[in-house]
Structure formats: C-alpha cells, structure tokens
C-alpha cells in the first residue's frame, strides 16, 4: 500500500489530502488545501500562500489520474468547488458525504454549491455516490465508509465519514475531522476496524473550546488506540498540529514512552521537511520569539 499526503499542517497548510494506491487502485481522499484565515491576529504569510498554491497544483494533477475521489465533508480544506472541478472529479467514481442527512446548515449550503459546480463543469452525477455507510469491492480491494460521526464532540460543525481500505493483510483507516476522537462513537469504530495504519486528525487543542475533560477523554482514547496490537503506524495530523504544545501533549499520553515509536505525522511519514507554518506564523512575520 502506497500512501502520499498532499496537504496538512506538518506540510505547511491546512488539509488532509491523502492519496492511496493499493493493488493498482488509486484513491484520493479529500482533495483540498487551505490556510488559516487569521492566526495570532495575522493573515497567511506569503510563504504559506506559495506552498498552498504548489500543493493545489499537485492535488489536481494526482486526483485527475485517480480512479476514486472521496469527499468526507464539505469544509474547504477538504474539497475545492471553485477550480478544476472536472479535472478532480470527472471521469471517475466520486463518493461524498450525504448532502441530505446528518448535515448541518453550513454544510448543506456548501454541498449544494458543490453539486451545482459539478453539474456546471460537466461531471456525470451518475458517478457521484453517497458515501455514508457504503461498502464495496474494487477487485480485491475492500472500501468501507463509516456512518456519519460528529465533526468534534457535538453536531455544531456537522458530520464527517471515515474511510477504511483493506486489501489482503494491508489496512488503512482515515478518520477525517473527528477532532480526537472526542467521544465514543468514532473511537469504537476505530477499535472495531483495527487498522494497521490509522490517519487521525487529533484534538484541536489550539482552540480554547477544548475543555480539560474533553481533552482527557480524547487522550485516553488515543492511548488505548496505541495499544491495539494490529496498529503499526498512528499518523496524527491536522487540528492537533496547529498547537505549539502538541509534542508536550503527545508525551503526556499514557503509554507514549513505550509506544510513541508508532506515532508519526504526514511529513515524518514521507520523510519530508516539517513545515508547521500556521503554528509559527508570528515567527514568519516577526522572527524567532514572535
């Protein structure tokens, strides 16, 4: 199983754009990239914009040649309905978060816009399928989409679907934006699938909204996930890596001293330079120390 990441906080942007190739099948999950609009009271630095533009070109090129494209929810760091819509979604099977059920008002509006843009750009909507709860085979490759889970600990930000891919003795689970996990629904789903590779977005500790109880619960779930015998790699990325304290928080997880060798981020998995640009935006503008 070949995995490549095209956007993510350790790569200098917001997103979780993930390409998976297994048994000749090419799957692109969440072909989007974005930047935090404000951080430390500052807009994106020019170096962030440069990296985002470069990553978007790479996303379009690689999604164009994929067999399957998945959109797990409608936030704009996970899909782009404005540019290269046919190139990314045309001529392939597209699986999307259900735009009618288990969806909040903001994502309803975005899903309608996305569907309109696909029609305008000539994407065959017969090739666009609801992902939620679907299970299918492409040859020997099994793909399963989870039921909808909260984007976080409640439905305020809507719902997302996870993506599970299995072929032979290889397996991967992509969490999308469960923000933790923050409650037992996605946690139990992860334990039930027992993947060898888990891509997890982690808790958004950079935001004041994460209380001590919710954080303790999330870290407890991650601790138990690390102990799964089948798990070979836990790739923590996205919300969690916007926090300067993320390494210290990681080290506080029960069992991390013993099992921390399993934990990576997008950049370290690909042996690429680590570029936490949003996290250090104040340093980009003002130099070391803010």
C-alpha atoms as a PDB file:
ATOM      1  CA  UNK A   1       0.000   0.000   0.000  1.00  0.00           C
ATOM      2  CA  UNK A   2       1.481   3.299  -1.153  1.00  0.00           C
ATOM      3  CA  UNK A   3       0.384   6.437   0.696  1.00  0.00           C
ATOM      4  CA  UNK A   4       1.187  10.044  -0.085  1.00  0.00           C
ATOM      5  CA  UNK A   5      -0.061  13.214   1.592  1.00  0.00           C
ATOM      6  CA  UNK A   6      -0.564  16.466  -0.330  1.00  0.00           C
ATOM      7  CA  UNK A   7      -1.744  18.929   2.326  1.00  0.00           C
ATOM      8  CA  UNK A   8      -1.527  19.043   6.079  1.00  0.00           C
ATOM      9  CA  UNK A   9      -0.302  21.122   8.972  1.00  0.00           C
ATOM     10  CA  UNK A  10       3.099  19.426   9.116  1.00  0.00           C
ATOM     11  CA  UNK A  11       3.391  20.234   5.393  1.00  0.00           C
ATOM     12  CA  UNK A  12       2.677  23.953   5.896  1.00  0.00           C
ATOM     13  CA  UNK A  13      -1.066  24.160   5.123  1.00  0.00           C
ATOM     14  CA  UNK A  14      -4.477  23.093   6.364  1.00  0.00           C
ATOM     15  CA  UNK A  15      -5.890  19.861   4.988  1.00  0.00           C
ATOM     16  CA  UNK A  16      -5.635  16.077   4.960  1.00  0.00           C
ATOM     17  CA  UNK A  17      -5.377  15.385   1.212  1.00  0.00           C
ATOM     18  CA  UNK A  18      -4.446  11.701   1.078  1.00  0.00           C
ATOM     19  CA  UNK A  19      -3.614   9.511  -1.911  1.00  0.00           C
ATOM     20  CA  UNK A  20      -3.682   5.728  -1.519  1.00  0.00           C
ATOM     21  CA  UNK A  21      -2.637   3.218  -4.149  1.00  0.00           C
ATOM     22  CA  UNK A  22      -3.279  -0.454  -3.479  1.00  0.00           C
ATOM     23  CA  UNK A  23      -3.457  -3.399  -5.873  1.00  0.00           C
ATOM     24  CA  UNK A  24      -3.496  -0.961  -8.806  1.00  0.00           C
ATOM     25  CA  UNK A  25      -6.459   1.041  -7.456  1.00  0.00           C
ATOM     26  CA  UNK A  26      -5.859   4.783  -6.981  1.00  0.00           C
ATOM     27  CA  UNK A  27      -7.934   6.523  -4.302  1.00  0.00           C
ATOM     28  CA  UNK A  28      -7.745  10.232  -3.470  1.00  0.00           C
ATOM     29  CA  UNK A  29      -9.380  11.292  -0.196  1.00  0.00           C
ATOM     30  CA  UNK A  30     -10.320  14.929   0.484  1.00  0.00           C
ATOM     31  CA  UNK A  31      -8.562  16.746  -2.391  1.00  0.00           C
ATOM     32  CA  UNK A  32      -8.374  20.145  -0.734  1.00  0.00           C
ATOM     33  CA  UNK A  33      -5.934  22.598   0.805  1.00  0.00           C
ATOM     34  CA  UNK A  34      -6.463  25.868   2.667  1.00  0.00           C
ATOM     35  CA  UNK A  35      -4.844  28.291   5.094  1.00  0.00           C
ATOM     36  CA  UNK A  36      -5.978  29.533   8.462  1.00  0.00           C
ATOM     37  CA  UNK A  37      -7.512  32.966   7.710  1.00  0.00           C
ATOM     38  CA  UNK A  38      -6.154  34.533  10.912  1.00  0.00           C
ATOM     39  CA  UNK A  39      -3.634  33.269  13.440  1.00  0.00           C
ATOM     40  CA  UNK A  40      -2.111  35.385  16.200  1.00  0.00           C
ATOM     41  CA  UNK A  41      -4.123  38.191  14.602  1.00  0.00           C
ATOM     42  CA  UNK A  42      -2.164  37.763  11.368  1.00  0.00           C
ATOM     43  CA  UNK A  43      -3.240  36.772   7.834  1.00  0.00           C
ATOM     44  CA  UNK A  44      -1.404  33.992   5.973  1.00  0.00           C
ATOM     45  CA  UNK A  45       2.249  34.751   5.292  1.00  0.00           C
ATOM     46  CA  UNK A  46       3.399  34.826   1.631  1.00  0.00           C
ATOM     47  CA  UNK A  47       5.388  31.616   2.162  1.00  0.00           C
ATOM     48  CA  UNK A  48       2.161  29.864   3.236  1.00  0.00           C
ATOM     49  CA  UNK A  49       0.387  31.067   0.104  1.00  0.00           C
ATOM     50  CA  UNK A  50       3.249  29.851  -2.072  1.00  0.00           C
ATOM     51  CA  UNK A  51       3.169  26.387  -0.502  1.00  0.00           C
ATOM     52  CA  UNK A  52      -0.629  26.180  -0.755  1.00  0.00           C
ATOM     53  CA  UNK A  53      -0.580  27.072  -4.469  1.00  0.00           C
ATOM     54  CA  UNK A  54       2.091  24.457  -5.155  1.00  0.00           C
ATOM     55  CA  UNK A  55       0.193  21.787  -3.221  1.00  0.00           C
ATOM     56  CA  UNK A  56      -3.047  22.581  -5.005  1.00  0.00           C
ATOM     57  CA  UNK A  57      -1.375  22.033  -8.371  1.00  0.00           C
ATOM     58  CA  UNK A  58      -0.078  18.663  -7.142  1.00  0.00           C
ATOM     59  CA  UNK A  59      -3.519  17.719  -5.795  1.00  0.00           C
ATOM     60  CA  UNK A  60      -5.200  18.477  -9.125  1.00  0.00           C
ATOM     61  CA  UNK A  61      -2.611  16.526 -11.091  1.00  0.00           C
ATOM     62  CA  UNK A  62      -2.805  13.428  -8.891  1.00  0.00           C
ATOM     63  CA  UNK A  63      -6.572  13.480  -8.335  1.00  0.00           C
ATOM     64  CA  UNK A  64      -7.038  13.744 -12.097  1.00  0.00           C
ATOM     65  CA  UNK A  65      -5.385  10.364 -12.597  1.00  0.00           C
ATOM     66  CA  UNK A  66      -7.143   8.635  -9.677  1.00  0.00           C
ATOM     67  CA  UNK A  67      -9.907   6.038 -10.007  1.00  0.00           C
ATOM     68  CA  UNK A  68     -11.876   7.125  -6.934  1.00  0.00           C
ATOM     69  CA  UNK A  69     -12.195  10.507  -5.212  1.00  0.00           C
ATOM     70  CA  UNK A  70     -13.745  10.863  -1.765  1.00  0.00           C
ATOM     71  CA  UNK A  71     -15.085  13.978  -0.021  1.00  0.00           C
ATOM     72  CA  UNK A  72     -15.662  13.194   3.662  1.00  0.00           C
ATOM     73  CA  UNK A  73     -17.340  16.562   4.437  1.00  0.00           C
ATOM     74  CA  UNK A  74     -17.685  19.998   2.902  1.00  0.00           C
ATOM     75  CA  UNK A  75     -15.163  22.203   4.658  1.00  0.00           C
ATOM     76  CA  UNK A  76     -12.956  23.935   2.117  1.00  0.00           C
ATOM     77  CA  UNK A  77      -9.698  22.467   3.386  1.00  0.00           C
ATOM     78  CA  UNK A  78     -11.126  19.083   2.286  1.00  0.00           C
ATOM     79  CA  UNK A  79     -12.505  20.000  -1.127  1.00  0.00           C
ATOM     80  CA  UNK A  80     -12.401  22.900  -3.578  1.00  0.00           C
ATOM     81  CA  UNK A  81     -15.628  23.521  -5.537  1.00  0.00           C
ATOM     82  CA  UNK A  82     -14.275  26.549  -7.400  1.00  0.00           C
ATOM     83  CA  UNK A  83     -11.321  25.407  -9.515  1.00  0.00           C
ATOM     84  CA  UNK A  84     -10.502  22.408 -11.719  1.00  0.00           C
ATOM     85  CA  UNK A  85     -13.734  20.684 -10.744  1.00  0.00           C
ATOM     86  CA  UNK A  86     -13.894  18.436 -13.794  1.00  0.00           C
ATOM     87  CA  UNK A  87     -10.195  17.578 -13.611  1.00  0.00           C
ATOM     88  CA  UNK A  88     -10.531  16.432  -9.992  1.00  0.00           C
ATOM     89  CA  UNK A  89     -13.977  14.775 -10.083  1.00  0.00           C
ATOM     90  CA  UNK A  90     -14.782  13.993 -13.706  1.00  0.00           C
ATOM     91  CA  UNK A  91     -14.400  10.559 -15.290  1.00  0.00           C
ATOM     92  CA  UNK A  92     -14.131   8.607 -12.036  1.00  0.00           C
ATOM     93  CA  UNK A  93     -16.213   7.306  -9.138  1.00  0.00           C
ATOM     94  CA  UNK A  94     -16.876  10.019  -6.558  1.00  0.00           C
ATOM     95  CA  UNK A  95     -18.070   9.281  -3.024  1.00  0.00           C
ATOM     96  CA  UNK A  96     -19.362  12.203  -0.974  1.00  0.00           C
ATOM     97  CA  UNK A  97     -20.737  12.824   2.496  1.00  0.00           C
ATOM     98  CA  UNK A  98     -24.538  12.538   2.281  1.00  0.00           C
ATOM     99  CA  UNK A  99     -25.693  16.073   1.417  1.00  0.00           C
ATOM    100  CA  UNK A 100     -29.236  15.496   2.762  1.00  0.00           C
ATOM    101  CA  UNK A 101     -28.897  13.587   6.027  1.00  0.00           C
ATOM    102  CA  UNK A 102     -26.779  14.157   9.140  1.00  0.00           C
ATOM    103  CA  UNK A 103     -25.547  17.518   7.937  1.00  0.00           C
ATOM    104  CA  UNK A 104     -25.640  20.993   9.468  1.00  0.00           C
ATOM    105  CA  UNK A 105     -26.930  24.168   7.720  1.00  0.00           C
ATOM    106  CA  UNK A 106     -23.479  25.454   6.733  1.00  0.00           C
ATOM    107  CA  UNK A 107     -22.503  22.188   5.069  1.00  0.00           C
ATOM    108  CA  UNK A 108     -25.918  21.912   3.405  1.00  0.00           C
ATOM    109  CA  UNK A 109     -25.196  25.207   1.634  1.00  0.00           C
ATOM    110  CA  UNK A 110     -21.694  24.094   0.698  1.00  0.00           C
ATOM    111  CA  UNK A 111     -22.836  20.700  -0.555  1.00  0.00           C
ATOM    112  CA  UNK A 112     -25.466  22.331  -2.778  1.00  0.00           C
ATOM    113  CA  UNK A 113     -22.845  24.653  -4.210  1.00  0.00           C
ATOM    114  CA  UNK A 114     -20.504  21.709  -4.799  1.00  0.00           C
ATOM    115  CA  UNK A 115     -23.184  19.724  -6.631  1.00  0.00           C
ATOM    116  CA  UNK A 116     -24.062  22.761  -8.762  1.00  0.00           C
ATOM    117  CA  UNK A 117     -20.419  23.291  -9.656  1.00  0.00           C
ATOM    118  CA  UNK A 118     -20.028  19.651 -10.706  1.00  0.00           C
ATOM    119  CA  UNK A 119     -23.080  19.965 -12.967  1.00  0.00           C
ATOM    120  CA  UNK A 120     -21.760  23.207 -14.461  1.00  0.00           C
ATOM    121  CA  UNK A 121     -18.369  21.660 -15.176  1.00  0.00           C
ATOM    122  CA  UNK A 122     -19.781  18.551 -16.844  1.00  0.00           C
ATOM    123  CA  UNK A 123     -19.173  15.939 -14.141  1.00  0.00           C
ATOM    124  CA  UNK A 124     -21.522  12.968 -14.696  1.00  0.00           C
ATOM    125  CA  UNK A 125     -23.588  12.979 -11.497  1.00  0.00           C
ATOM    126  CA  UNK A 126     -24.461   9.303 -12.061  1.00  0.00           C
ATOM    127  CA  UNK A 127     -20.872   8.630 -10.980  1.00  0.00           C
ATOM    128  CA  UNK A 128     -21.368  10.554  -7.700  1.00  0.00           C
ATOM    129  CA  UNK A 129     -22.459   8.354  -4.790  1.00  0.00           C
ATOM    130  CA  UNK A 130     -23.396   8.853  -1.152  1.00  0.00           C
ATOM    131  CA  UNK A 131     -20.535   7.527   0.945  1.00  0.00           C
ATOM    132  CA  UNK A 132     -22.172   7.223   4.391  1.00  0.00           C
ATOM    133  CA  UNK A 133     -22.285   3.565   5.436  1.00  0.00           C
ATOM    134  CA  UNK A 134     -21.407   2.236   1.962  1.00  0.00           C
ATOM    135  CA  UNK A 135     -19.341  -0.931   1.492  1.00  0.00           C
ATOM    136  CA  UNK A 136     -17.877  -2.030  -1.834  1.00  0.00           C
ATOM    137  CA  UNK A 137     -15.173  -4.031  -3.569  1.00  0.00           C
ATOM    138  CA  UNK A 138     -12.922  -2.978  -6.430  1.00  0.00           C
ATOM    139  CA  UNK A 139     -11.347  -6.288  -7.342  1.00  0.00           C
ATOM    140  CA  UNK A 140      -9.601  -7.448  -4.172  1.00  0.00           C
ATOM    141  CA  UNK A 141      -9.732  -4.009  -2.556  1.00  0.00           C
ATOM    142  CA  UNK A 142     -12.444  -3.542   0.069  1.00  0.00           C
ATOM    143  CA  UNK A 143     -13.574   0.023   0.817  1.00  0.00           C
ATOM    144  CA  UNK A 144     -15.910   0.919   3.644  1.00  0.00           C
ATOM    145  CA  UNK A 145     -17.302   4.291   4.621  1.00  0.00           C
ATOM    146  CA  UNK A 146     -18.351   4.761   8.214  1.00  0.00           C
ATOM    147  CA  UNK A 147     -21.679   6.048   9.437  1.00  0.00           C
ATOM    148  CA  UNK A 148     -21.611   9.819   9.957  1.00  0.00           C
ATOM    149  CA  UNK A 149     -19.799  10.998  13.086  1.00  0.00           C
ATOM    150  CA  UNK A 150     -19.711  14.438  14.666  1.00  0.00           C
ATOM    151  CA  UNK A 151     -17.103  16.909  13.482  1.00  0.00           C
ATOM    152  CA  UNK A 152     -15.868  17.110  17.079  1.00  0.00           C
ATOM    153  CA  UNK A 153     -17.829  16.338  20.252  1.00  0.00           C
ATOM    154  CA  UNK A 154     -21.240  17.584  19.033  1.00  0.00           C
ATOM    155  CA  UNK A 155     -23.078  18.250  15.742  1.00  0.00           C
ATOM    156  CA  UNK A 156     -22.493  22.023  15.739  1.00  0.00           C
ATOM    157  CA  UNK A 157     -19.878  21.756  12.950  1.00  0.00           C
ATOM    158  CA  UNK A 158     -21.701  18.963  11.175  1.00  0.00           C
ATOM    159  CA  UNK A 159     -20.735  15.382  10.436  1.00  0.00           C
ATOM    160  CA  UNK A 160     -17.942  13.514   8.657  1.00  0.00           C
ATOM    161  CA  UNK A 161     -17.388   9.982   7.362  1.00  0.00           C
ATOM    162  CA  UNK A 162     -14.294   7.861   7.868  1.00  0.00           C
ATOM    163  CA  UNK A 163     -12.713   5.809   5.067  1.00  0.00           C
ATOM    164  CA  UNK A 164     -11.447   2.245   5.577  1.00  0.00           C
ATOM    165  CA  UNK A 165      -9.393   0.493   2.880  1.00  0.00           C
ATOM    166  CA  UNK A 166      -8.301  -3.138   3.086  1.00  0.00           C
ATOM    167  CA  UNK A 167      -6.507  -5.459   0.689  1.00  0.00           C
ATOM    168  CA  UNK A 168      -5.037  -8.766   1.819  1.00  0.00           C
ATOM    169  CA  UNK A 169      -3.161  -8.150   5.051  1.00  0.00           C
ATOM    170  CA  UNK A 170      -2.940  -4.371   4.474  1.00  0.00           C
ATOM    171  CA  UNK A 171      -5.428  -1.956   6.003  1.00  0.00           C
ATOM    172  CA  UNK A 172      -5.801   1.787   6.486  1.00  0.00           C
ATOM    173  CA  UNK A 173      -8.383   3.933   8.256  1.00  0.00           C
ATOM    174  CA  UNK A 174      -8.705   7.655   7.555  1.00  0.00           C
ATOM    175  CA  UNK A 175     -10.565   9.438  10.344  1.00  0.00           C
ATOM    176  CA  UNK A 176     -11.388  12.750   8.669  1.00  0.00           C
ATOM    177  CA  UNK A 177     -12.261  15.541  11.148  1.00  0.00           C
ATOM    178  CA  UNK A 178     -13.473  13.679  14.214  1.00  0.00           C
ATOM    179  CA  UNK A 179     -11.241  16.064  16.217  1.00  0.00           C
ATOM    180  CA  UNK A 180      -9.804  13.488  18.539  1.00  0.00           C
ATOM    181  CA  UNK A 181     -11.715  11.204  18.700  1.00  0.00           C
ATOM    182  CA  UNK A 182     -13.755  13.343  21.078  1.00  0.00           C
ATOM    183  CA  UNK A 183     -16.483  10.830  22.002  1.00  0.00           C
ATOM    184  CA  UNK A 184     -17.002   7.078  21.955  1.00  0.00           C
ATOM    185  CA  UNK A 185     -18.748   6.762  18.547  1.00  0.00           C
ATOM    186  CA  UNK A 186     -15.679   7.186  16.323  1.00  0.00           C
ATOM    187  CA  UNK A 187     -13.478   5.604  18.986  1.00  0.00           C
ATOM    188  CA  UNK A 188     -15.489   2.374  18.924  1.00  0.00           C
ATOM    189  CA  UNK A 189     -15.487   2.387  15.128  1.00  0.00           C
ATOM    190  CA  UNK A 190     -11.687   2.609  15.100  1.00  0.00           C
ATOM    191  CA  UNK A 191     -11.394  -0.244  17.587  1.00  0.00           C
ATOM    192  CA  UNK A 192     -13.805  -2.311  15.515  1.00  0.00           C
ATOM    193  CA  UNK A 193     -11.792  -1.891  12.298  1.00  0.00           C
ATOM    194  CA  UNK A 194      -8.382  -2.397  13.995  1.00  0.00           C
ATOM    195  CA  UNK A 195      -6.378  -0.934  11.071  1.00  0.00           C
ATOM    196  CA  UNK A 196      -2.649  -1.349  10.624  1.00  0.00           C
ATOM    197  CA  UNK A 197      -2.374   2.303   9.604  1.00  0.00           C
ATOM    198  CA  UNK A 198      -4.570   4.948  11.204  1.00  0.00           C
ATOM    199  CA  UNK A 199      -4.668   8.552   9.971  1.00  0.00           C
ATOM    200  CA  UNK A 200      -6.158  10.583  12.821  1.00  0.00           C
ATOM    201  CA  UNK A 201      -6.722  14.330  12.963  1.00  0.00           C
ATOM    202  CA  UNK A 202      -6.345  14.640  16.740  1.00  0.00           C
ATOM    203  CA  UNK A 203      -7.897  17.096  19.210  1.00  0.00           C
ATOM    204  CA  UNK A 204      -7.950  20.838  18.315  1.00  0.00           C
ATOM    205  CA  UNK A 205      -6.029  21.871  21.426  1.00  0.00           C
ATOM    206  CA  UNK A 206      -5.069  25.216  19.873  1.00  0.00           C
ATOM    207  CA  UNK A 207      -8.672  26.343  20.448  1.00  0.00           C
ATOM    208  CA  UNK A 208      -9.995  27.460  23.822  1.00  0.00           C
ATOM    209  CA  UNK A 209     -13.168  25.437  23.235  1.00  0.00           C
ATOM    210  CA  UNK A 210     -11.487  22.136  24.182  1.00  0.00           C
ATOM    211  CA  UNK A 211     -12.092  21.682  27.889  1.00  0.00           C
ATOM    212  CA  UNK A 212      -9.934  19.654  30.247  1.00  0.00           C
ATOM    213  CA  UNK A 213     -12.474  16.836  30.492  1.00  0.00           C
ATOM    214  CA  UNK A 214     -12.858  16.521  26.718  1.00  0.00           C
ATOM    215  CA  UNK A 215      -9.097  16.608  26.214  1.00  0.00           C
ATOM    216  CA  UNK A 216      -8.503  13.964  28.880  1.00  0.00           C
ATOM    217  CA  UNK A 217     -11.120  11.766  27.217  1.00  0.00           C
ATOM    218  CA  UNK A 218      -9.542  12.209  23.784  1.00  0.00           C
ATOM    219  CA  UNK A 219      -6.038  11.442  25.040  1.00  0.00           C
ATOM    220  CA  UNK A 220      -7.392   8.376  26.799  1.00  0.00           C
ATOM    221  CA  UNK A 221      -8.892   7.142  23.554  1.00  0.00           C
ATOM    222  CA  UNK A 222      -5.587   7.717  21.735  1.00  0.00           C
ATOM    223  CA  UNK A 223      -3.740   5.868  24.488  1.00  0.00           C
ATOM    224  CA  UNK A 224      -5.996   2.845  24.027  1.00  0.00           C
ATOM    225  CA  UNK A 225      -5.695   3.047  20.240  1.00  0.00           C
ATOM    226  CA  UNK A 226      -1.906   2.978  20.527  1.00  0.00           C
ATOM    227  CA  UNK A 227      -2.216  -0.288  22.426  1.00  0.00           C
ATOM    228  CA  UNK A 228      -4.003  -2.076  19.566  1.00  0.00           C
ATOM    229  CA  UNK A 229      -1.716  -4.953  18.617  1.00  0.00           C
ATOM    230  CA  UNK A 230      -2.599  -4.644  14.934  1.00  0.00           C
ATOM    231  CA  UNK A 231      -1.686  -0.951  14.770  1.00  0.00           C
ATOM    232  CA  UNK A 232       1.659  -0.390  13.082  1.00  0.00           C
ATOM    233  CA  UNK A 233       1.508   3.369  12.482  1.00  0.00           C
ATOM    234  CA  UNK A 234      -0.614   6.137  14.008  1.00  0.00           C
ATOM    235  CA  UNK A 235      -0.369   9.224  11.811  1.00  0.00           C
ATOM    236  CA  UNK A 236      -1.528  12.224  13.876  1.00  0.00           C
ATOM    237  CA  UNK A 237      -2.100  15.371  11.857  1.00  0.00           C
ATOM    238  CA  UNK A 238      -4.411  18.298  11.097  1.00  0.00           C
ATOM    239  CA  UNK A 239      -6.058  20.153  14.034  1.00  0.00           C
ATOM    240  CA  UNK A 240      -3.647  18.792  16.627  1.00  0.00           C
ATOM    241  CA  UNK A 241      -0.591  20.119  14.786  1.00  0.00           C
ATOM    242  CA  UNK A 242      -1.728  23.751  14.957  1.00  0.00           C
ATOM    243  CA  UNK A 243      -0.678  23.831  18.619  1.00  0.00           C
ATOM    244  CA  UNK A 244       2.870  24.688  19.643  1.00  0.00           C
ATOM    245  CA  UNK A 245       2.363  22.406  22.637  1.00  0.00           C
ATOM    246  CA  UNK A 246       1.431  19.332  20.619  1.00  0.00           C
ATOM    247  CA  UNK A 247       4.650  17.411  21.346  1.00  0.00           C
ATOM    248  CA  UNK A 248       4.336  18.006  25.077  1.00  0.00           C
ATOM    249  CA  UNK A 249       0.705  16.923  24.955  1.00  0.00           C
ATOM    250  CA  UNK A 250       1.681  13.817  22.987  1.00  0.00           C
ATOM    251  CA  UNK A 251       4.293  12.893  25.568  1.00  0.00           C
ATOM    252  CA  UNK A 252       1.668  13.161  28.305  1.00  0.00           C
ATOM    253  CA  UNK A 253      -0.390  10.332  26.779  1.00  0.00           C
ATOM    254  CA  UNK A 254      -0.401   7.257  28.977  1.00  0.00           C
ATOM    255  CA  UNK A 255       1.839   4.656  27.360  1.00  0.00           C
ATOM    256  CA  UNK A 256       3.563   7.097  25.000  1.00  0.00           C
ATOM    257  CA  UNK A 257       7.006   6.316  26.462  1.00  0.00           C
ATOM    258  CA  UNK A 258       6.512   2.686  25.463  1.00  0.00           C
ATOM    259  CA  UNK A 259       4.552   3.045  22.231  1.00  0.00           C
ATOM    260  CA  UNK A 260       5.404   6.514  20.923  1.00  0.00           C
ATOM    261  CA  UNK A 261       7.557   4.958  18.216  1.00  0.00           C
ATOM    262  CA  UNK A 262       4.304   4.187  16.385  1.00  0.00           C
ATOM    263  CA  UNK A 263       3.361   7.888  16.093  1.00  0.00           C
ATOM    264  CA  UNK A 264       4.195   9.987  13.034  1.00  0.00           C
ATOM    265  CA  UNK A 265       2.778  12.977  11.139  1.00  0.00           C
ATOM    266  CA  UNK A 266       2.400  13.478   7.382  1.00  0.00           C
ATOM    267  CA  UNK A 267       5.851  14.967   6.923  1.00  0.00           C
ATOM    268  CA  UNK A 268       7.702  12.413   9.030  1.00  0.00           C
ATOM    269  CA  UNK A 269       5.845   9.530   7.346  1.00  0.00           C
ATOM    270  CA  UNK A 270       7.013  10.759   3.942  1.00  0.00           C
ATOM    271  CA  UNK A 271      10.459  11.768   5.246  1.00  0.00           C
ATOM    272  CA  UNK A 272       9.708  15.323   4.083  1.00  0.00           C
ATOM    273  CA  UNK A 273      10.691  18.632   5.730  1.00  0.00           C
ATOM    274  CA  UNK A 274       8.379  19.573   8.598  1.00  0.00           C
ATOM    275  CA  UNK A 275       6.815  22.985   7.961  1.00  0.00           C
ATOM    276  CA  UNK A 276       4.426  23.992  10.739  1.00  0.00           C
ATOM    277  CA  UNK A 277       3.820  27.381   9.180  1.00  0.00           C
ATOM    278  CA  UNK A 278       0.471  28.232  10.758  1.00  0.00           C
ATOM    279  CA  UNK A 279       1.785  27.246  14.170  1.00  0.00           C
ATOM    280  CA  UNK A 280       4.713  29.670  13.788  1.00  0.00           C
ATOM    281  CA  UNK A 281       3.022  32.380  11.709  1.00  0.00           C
ATOM    282  CA  UNK A 282       4.075  35.055  14.203  1.00  0.00           C
ATOM    283  CA  UNK A 283       7.686  33.961  13.748  1.00  0.00           C
ATOM    284  CA  UNK A 284       7.345  34.072   9.973  1.00  0.00           C
ATOM    285  CA  UNK A 285       6.279  37.719  10.248  1.00  0.00           C
ATOM    286  CA  UNK A 286       8.380  38.929  13.138  1.00  0.00           C
ATOM    287  CA  UNK A 287      11.210  36.462  13.575  1.00  0.00           C
ATOM    288  CA  UNK A 288      12.007  33.985  16.334  1.00  0.00           C
ATOM    289  CA  UNK A 289      10.064  34.616  19.526  1.00  0.00           C
ATOM    290  CA  UNK A 290       7.094  36.472  17.989  1.00  0.00           C
END
